[in-house]
Amino acid sequence: MNTLPKSITPELLSFCQSISPERPVYVRSKRSSDAQMSACFDNVARKITRAGGTTAYGWAIWHIPGLYFEAEHHGVWRRRSGELIDVSPQLGDVSKILFLPDRTAVYDPSQFRSNVIAPVNDTPLATEFVAMAKARNAILDRYRTGEYIAVALSAADQSALDAITRRLNELWKLAGK
């Protein structure tokens, strides 16, 4: 499912402003040949080694209408000309992403930044979906080392995660997604 926000609405801007004072911008996605999924900071570092430029730190913004907004800690390549390009592969092989610049979101491999997620409205469905997504992230975040989940989950956490995943799937169906 394409989760790229179709437009920058007042609700989306409000969500973004809760994270960074910068304005979100659409950034062309042009995957580097050696780029790996879920490794944007490493992908950008390799691109800088080959072509110069710098890393622009911030957040990739995703949206599911009727359910939630989500911000994922992300880095894109800033060419010497200043143009921003997303060199990392994205699910769905999108041609662009919505990027929220945030100079304070510098990547530190020893400190994972969890996704920021908020309901798009106060309906019970959106509220519960976000609560379940946050519970899922809280479990997974305990096992992260840098960008990656480092070890197998405990039996108790795996059981809790399975129950959360089942409920998220039920809510997804209720939302007609």
C-alpha atoms as a PDB file:
ATOM      1  CA  MET A   1       0.000   0.000   0.000  1.00  0.00           C
ATOM      2  CA  ASN A   2       1.279   3.449  -0.911  1.00  0.00           C
ATOM      3  CA  THR A   3       1.585   5.493   2.274  1.00  0.00           C
ATOM      4  CA  LEU A   4       3.018   8.626   0.652  1.00  0.00           C
ATOM      5  CA  PRO A   5       0.854  11.606   1.659  1.00  0.00           C
ATOM      6  CA  LYS A   6      -0.912  12.867  -1.462  1.00  0.00           C
ATOM      7  CA  SER A   7      -0.802  16.493  -0.296  1.00  0.00           C
ATOM      8  CA  ILE A   8       0.415  18.619   2.575  1.00  0.00           C
ATOM      9  CA  THR A   9      -2.791  19.278   4.493  1.00  0.00           C
ATOM     10  CA  PRO A  10      -3.207  21.426   7.628  1.00  0.00           C
ATOM     11  CA  GLU A  11      -3.517  18.208   9.670  1.00  0.00           C
ATOM     12  CA  LEU A  12      -0.296  16.865   8.198  1.00  0.00           C
ATOM     13  CA  LEU A  13       1.479  20.167   8.850  1.00  0.00           C
ATOM     14  CA  SER A  14       0.302  20.110  12.455  1.00  0.00           C
ATOM     15  CA  PHE A  15       1.701  16.595  12.888  1.00  0.00           C
ATOM     16  CA  CYS A  16       5.013  17.635  11.316  1.00  0.00           C
ATOM     17  CA  GLN A  17       5.268  20.767  13.462  1.00  0.00           C
ATOM     18  CA  SER A  18       4.985  18.573  16.572  1.00  0.00           C
ATOM     19  CA  ILE A  19       8.322  17.056  15.464  1.00  0.00           C
ATOM     20  CA  SER A  20      10.279  19.825  13.706  1.00  0.00           C
ATOM     21  CA  PRO A  21       9.720  23.514  12.897  1.00  0.00           C
ATOM     22  CA  GLU A  22      10.819  22.882   9.289  1.00  0.00           C
ATOM     23  CA  ARG A  23       8.337  22.458   6.453  1.00  0.00           C
ATOM     24  CA  PRO A  24       8.007  18.993   4.846  1.00  0.00           C
ATOM     25  CA  VAL A  25       9.123  18.723   1.221  1.00  0.00           C
ATOM     26  CA  TYR A  26       8.679  16.109  -1.463  1.00  0.00           C
ATOM     27  CA  VAL A  27      12.051  14.585  -2.342  1.00  0.00           C
ATOM     28  CA  ARG A  28      12.762  12.620  -5.501  1.00  0.00           C
ATOM     29  CA  SER A  29      13.651   9.002  -4.833  1.00  0.00           C
ATOM     30  CA  LYS A  30      16.544   7.659  -6.883  1.00  0.00           C
ATOM     31  CA  ARG A  31      17.883   4.506  -5.295  1.00  0.00           C
ATOM     32  CA  SER A  32      21.641   3.990  -5.381  1.00  0.00           C
ATOM     33  CA  SER A  33      22.666   0.652  -6.903  1.00  0.00           C
ATOM     34  CA  ASP A  34      24.339  -0.478  -3.661  1.00  0.00           C
ATOM     35  CA  ALA A  35      21.619   0.822  -1.320  1.00  0.00           C
ATOM     36  CA  GLN A  36      20.059  -1.521   1.212  1.00  0.00           C
ATOM     37  CA  MET A  37      16.553  -1.459   2.680  1.00  0.00           C
ATOM     38  CA  SER A  38      16.327   0.071   6.188  1.00  0.00           C
ATOM     39  CA  ALA A  39      19.883   1.452   6.085  1.00  0.00           C
ATOM     40  CA  CYS A  40      19.376   5.030   4.892  1.00  0.00           C
ATOM     41  CA  PHE A  41      22.245   6.551   6.871  1.00  0.00           C
ATOM     42  CA  ASP A  42      24.740   3.997   5.548  1.00  0.00           C
ATOM     43  CA  ASN A  43      23.335   4.421   2.026  1.00  0.00           C
ATOM     44  CA  VAL A  44      23.794   8.196   2.178  1.00  0.00           C
ATOM     45  CA  ALA A  45      27.308   7.851   3.614  1.00  0.00           C
ATOM     46  CA  ARG A  46      28.335   5.628   0.677  1.00  0.00           C
ATOM     47  CA  LYS A  47      26.808   8.115  -1.788  1.00  0.00           C
ATOM     48  CA  ILE A  48      28.747  10.986  -0.177  1.00  0.00           C
ATOM     49  CA  THR A  49      31.983   8.969  -0.490  1.00  0.00           C
ATOM     50  CA  ARG A  50      31.365   8.528  -4.230  1.00  0.00           C
ATOM     51  CA  ALA A  51      29.819  11.880  -5.157  1.00  0.00           C
ATOM     52  CA  GLY A  52      30.345  14.401  -2.355  1.00  0.00           C
ATOM     53  CA  GLY A  53      27.542  16.301  -0.715  1.00  0.00           C
ATOM     54  CA  THR A  54      26.171  15.915   2.798  1.00  0.00           C
ATOM     55  CA  THR A  55      23.482  14.143   4.780  1.00  0.00           C
ATOM     56  CA  ALA A  56      20.173  15.901   5.390  1.00  0.00           C
ATOM     57  CA  TYR A  57      18.711  14.518   8.616  1.00  0.00           C
ATOM     58  CA  GLY A  58      15.030  14.359   9.355  1.00  0.00           C
ATOM     59  CA  TRP A  59      11.972  12.177   8.992  1.00  0.00           C
ATOM     60  CA  ALA A  60      10.199  10.310   6.210  1.00  0.00           C
ATOM     61  CA  ILE A  61       6.502  11.078   6.592  1.00  0.00           C
ATOM     62  CA  TRP A  62       3.881   8.418   5.908  1.00  0.00           C
ATOM     63  CA  HIS A  63       0.093   8.561   6.062  1.00  0.00           C
ATOM     64  CA  ILE A  64      -2.814   6.158   5.976  1.00  0.00           C
ATOM     65  CA  PRO A  65      -6.006   8.180   5.454  1.00  0.00           C
ATOM     66  CA  GLY A  66      -8.481   7.669   8.262  1.00  0.00           C
ATOM     67  CA  LEU A  67      -5.901   6.049  10.550  1.00  0.00           C
ATOM     68  CA  TYR A  68      -2.541   7.668  11.204  1.00  0.00           C
ATOM     69  CA  PHE A  69       0.442   9.831  10.379  1.00  0.00           C
ATOM     70  CA  GLU A  70       3.914   8.389  10.942  1.00  0.00           C
ATOM     71  CA  ALA A  71       7.390   9.892  10.958  1.00  0.00           C
ATOM     72  CA  GLU A  72      10.370   7.574  10.475  1.00  0.00           C
ATOM     73  CA  HIS A  73      13.883   8.827  11.308  1.00  0.00           C
ATOM     74  CA  HIS A  74      15.513   9.175   7.913  1.00  0.00           C
ATOM     75  CA  GLY A  75      18.437  10.642   6.050  1.00  0.00           C
ATOM     76  CA  VAL A  76      18.638  11.777   2.449  1.00  0.00           C
ATOM     77  CA  TRP A  77      21.534  12.890   0.290  1.00  0.00           C
ATOM     78  CA  ARG A  78      22.064  16.619  -0.216  1.00  0.00           C
ATOM     79  CA  ARG A  79      23.908  17.202  -3.482  1.00  0.00           C
ATOM     80  CA  ARG A  80      26.471  19.991  -3.653  1.00  0.00           C
ATOM     81  CA  SER A  81      23.805  22.006  -5.514  1.00  0.00           C
ATOM     82  CA  GLY A  82      21.545  21.692  -2.459  1.00  0.00           C
ATOM     83  CA  GLU A  83      19.035  19.337  -4.114  1.00  0.00           C
ATOM     84  CA  LEU A  84      17.775  16.571  -1.823  1.00  0.00           C
ATOM     85  CA  ILE A  85      17.565  13.005  -3.165  1.00  0.00           C
ATOM     86  CA  ASP A  86      16.419   9.877  -1.354  1.00  0.00           C
ATOM     87  CA  VAL A  87      19.032   7.256  -2.314  1.00  0.00           C
ATOM     88  CA  SER A  88      17.471   4.464  -0.210  1.00  0.00           C
ATOM     89  CA  PRO A  89      14.960   1.879  -1.413  1.00  0.00           C
ATOM     90  CA  GLN A  90      11.420   2.288  -0.099  1.00  0.00           C
ATOM     91  CA  LEU A  91       8.571  -0.203   0.071  1.00  0.00           C
ATOM     92  CA  GLY A  92       6.524   0.032  -3.078  1.00  0.00           C
ATOM     93  CA  ASP A  93       9.470   1.445  -5.028  1.00  0.00           C
ATOM     94  CA  VAL A  94       8.064   5.002  -4.854  1.00  0.00           C
ATOM     95  CA  SER A  95       9.297   7.842  -7.085  1.00  0.00           C
ATOM     96  CA  LYS A  96       9.332  10.350  -4.218  1.00  0.00           C
ATOM     97  CA  ILE A  97       8.946  10.600  -0.463  1.00  0.00           C
ATOM     98  CA  LEU A  98       7.739  13.331   1.856  1.00  0.00           C
ATOM     99  CA  PHE A  99      10.724  14.407   3.936  1.00  0.00           C
ATOM    100  CA  LEU A 100      10.625  16.557   7.063  1.00  0.00           C
ATOM    101  CA  PRO A 101      14.046  18.174   7.582  1.00  0.00           C
ATOM    102  CA  ASP A 102      15.193  18.241  11.211  1.00  0.00           C
ATOM    103  CA  ARG A 103      18.716  19.440  12.004  1.00  0.00           C
ATOM    104  CA  THR A 104      18.375  18.075  15.541  1.00  0.00           C
ATOM    105  CA  ALA A 105      17.709  14.513  14.299  1.00  0.00           C
ATOM    106  CA  VAL A 106      21.371  13.705  13.654  1.00  0.00           C
ATOM    107  CA  TYR A 107      21.983   9.987  13.345  1.00  0.00           C
ATOM    108  CA  ASP A 108      23.703   8.315  16.286  1.00  0.00           C
ATOM    109  CA  PRO A 109      24.094   4.554  15.718  1.00  0.00           C
ATOM    110  CA  SER A 110      24.079   3.911  19.468  1.00  0.00           C
ATOM    111  CA  GLN A 111      20.681   5.561  19.975  1.00  0.00           C
ATOM    112  CA  PHE A 112      17.726   4.393  17.893  1.00  0.00           C
ATOM    113  CA  ARG A 113      14.978   6.971  17.325  1.00  0.00           C
ATOM    114  CA  SER A 114      11.579   5.354  17.383  1.00  0.00           C
ATOM    115  CA  ASN A 115       8.948   6.254  14.804  1.00  0.00           C
ATOM    116  CA  VAL A 116       6.553   9.017  15.817  1.00  0.00           C
ATOM    117  CA  ILE A 117       2.963   8.014  15.174  1.00  0.00           C
ATOM    118  CA  ALA A 118      -0.296   9.886  15.754  1.00  0.00           C
ATOM    119  CA  PRO A 119      -3.941   9.248  14.874  1.00  0.00           C
ATOM    120  CA  VAL A 120      -5.398  11.399  12.092  1.00  0.00           C
ATOM    121  CA  ASN A 121      -8.517  11.981  14.177  1.00  0.00           C
ATOM    122  CA  ASP A 122     -10.023  10.986  17.512  1.00  0.00           C
ATOM    123  CA  THR A 123     -12.209   8.134  16.262  1.00  0.00           C
ATOM    124  CA  PRO A 124     -12.024   4.964  18.341  1.00  0.00           C
ATOM    125  CA  LEU A 125     -10.596   3.063  15.357  1.00  0.00           C
ATOM    126  CA  ALA A 126      -7.734   5.504  14.696  1.00  0.00           C
ATOM    127  CA  THR A 127      -7.007   5.895  18.408  1.00  0.00           C
ATOM    128  CA  GLU A 128      -6.840   2.148  19.043  1.00  0.00           C
ATOM    129  CA  PHE A 129      -4.804   1.510  15.898  1.00  0.00           C
ATOM    130  CA  VAL A 130      -2.166   4.032  16.993  1.00  0.00           C
ATOM    131  CA  ALA A 131      -2.142   2.664  20.558  1.00  0.00           C
ATOM    132  CA  MET A 132      -1.501  -0.842  19.192  1.00  0.00           C
ATOM    133  CA  ALA A 133       1.195   0.423  16.795  1.00  0.00           C
ATOM    134  CA  LYS A 134       2.932   2.238  19.654  1.00  0.00           C
ATOM    135  CA  ALA A 135       2.767  -0.907  21.816  1.00  0.00           C
ATOM    136  CA  ARG A 136       4.304  -2.909  18.951  1.00  0.00           C
ATOM    137  CA  ASN A 137       7.078  -0.343  18.522  1.00  0.00           C
ATOM    138  CA  ALA A 138       7.773  -0.271  22.279  1.00  0.00           C
ATOM    139  CA  ILE A 139       8.394  -4.028  22.274  1.00  0.00           C
ATOM    140  CA  LEU A 140      10.585  -3.978  19.158  1.00  0.00           C
ATOM    141  CA  ASP A 141      12.533  -0.901  20.291  1.00  0.00           C
ATOM    142  CA  ARG A 142      13.750  -2.756  23.392  1.00  0.00           C
ATOM    143  CA  TYR A 143      15.605  -5.160  21.093  1.00  0.00           C
ATOM    144  CA  ARG A 144      17.225  -2.631  18.779  1.00  0.00           C
ATOM    145  CA  THR A 145      20.908  -2.040  18.409  1.00  0.00           C
ATOM    146  CA  GLY A 146      21.283   0.971  16.192  1.00  0.00           C
ATOM    147  CA  GLU A 147      18.952   0.544  13.212  1.00  0.00           C
ATOM    148  CA  TYR A 148      18.575  -3.212  13.515  1.00  0.00           C
ATOM    149  CA  ILE A 149      16.785  -5.671  15.785  1.00  0.00           C
ATOM    150  CA  ALA A 150      19.720  -7.466  17.333  1.00  0.00           C
ATOM    151  CA  VAL A 151      18.356 -10.593  19.023  1.00  0.00           C
ATOM    152  CA  ALA A 152      15.369 -12.888  19.091  1.00  0.00           C
ATOM    153  CA  LEU A 153      12.488 -11.684  21.237  1.00  0.00           C
ATOM    154  CA  SER A 154      11.719 -13.343  24.559  1.00  0.00           C
ATOM    155  CA  ALA A 155       8.801 -15.777  24.499  1.00  0.00           C
ATOM    156  CA  ALA A 156       6.641 -13.343  26.472  1.00  0.00           C
ATOM    157  CA  ASP A 157       7.422 -10.424  24.157  1.00  0.00           C
ATOM    158  CA  GLN A 158       6.878 -12.576  21.062  1.00  0.00           C
ATOM    159  CA  SER A 159       3.495 -13.660  22.404  1.00  0.00           C
ATOM    160  CA  ALA A 160       2.526 -10.044  23.144  1.00  0.00           C
ATOM    161  CA  LEU A 161       3.744  -8.967  19.703  1.00  0.00           C
ATOM    162  CA  ASP A 162       1.693 -11.719  18.035  1.00  0.00           C
ATOM    163  CA  ALA A 163      -1.464 -10.562  19.861  1.00  0.00           C
ATOM    164  CA  ILE A 164      -0.804  -6.926  18.896  1.00  0.00           C
ATOM    165  CA  THR A 165      -0.221  -7.919  15.269  1.00  0.00           C
ATOM    166  CA  ARG A 166      -3.513  -9.854  15.191  1.00  0.00           C
ATOM    167  CA  ARG A 167      -5.379  -6.843  16.580  1.00  0.00           C
ATOM    168  CA  LEU A 168      -3.686  -4.455  14.147  1.00  0.00           C
ATOM    169  CA  ASN A 169      -4.766  -6.722  11.279  1.00  0.00           C
ATOM    170  CA  GLU A 170      -8.357  -6.734  12.591  1.00  0.00           C
ATOM    171  CA  LEU A 171      -8.368  -2.939  12.867  1.00  0.00           C
ATOM    172  CA  TRP A 172      -6.837  -2.641   9.392  1.00  0.00           C
ATOM    173  CA  LYS A 173      -9.735  -4.698   7.991  1.00  0.00           C
ATOM    174  CA  LEU A 174     -12.296  -2.649   9.932  1.00  0.00           C
ATOM    175  CA  ALA A 175     -10.801   0.475   8.371  1.00  0.00           C
ATOM    176  CA  GLY A 176     -11.280  -1.052   4.934  1.00  0.00           C
ATOM    177  CA  LYS A 177      -7.583  -1.099   4.128  1.00  0.00           C
END
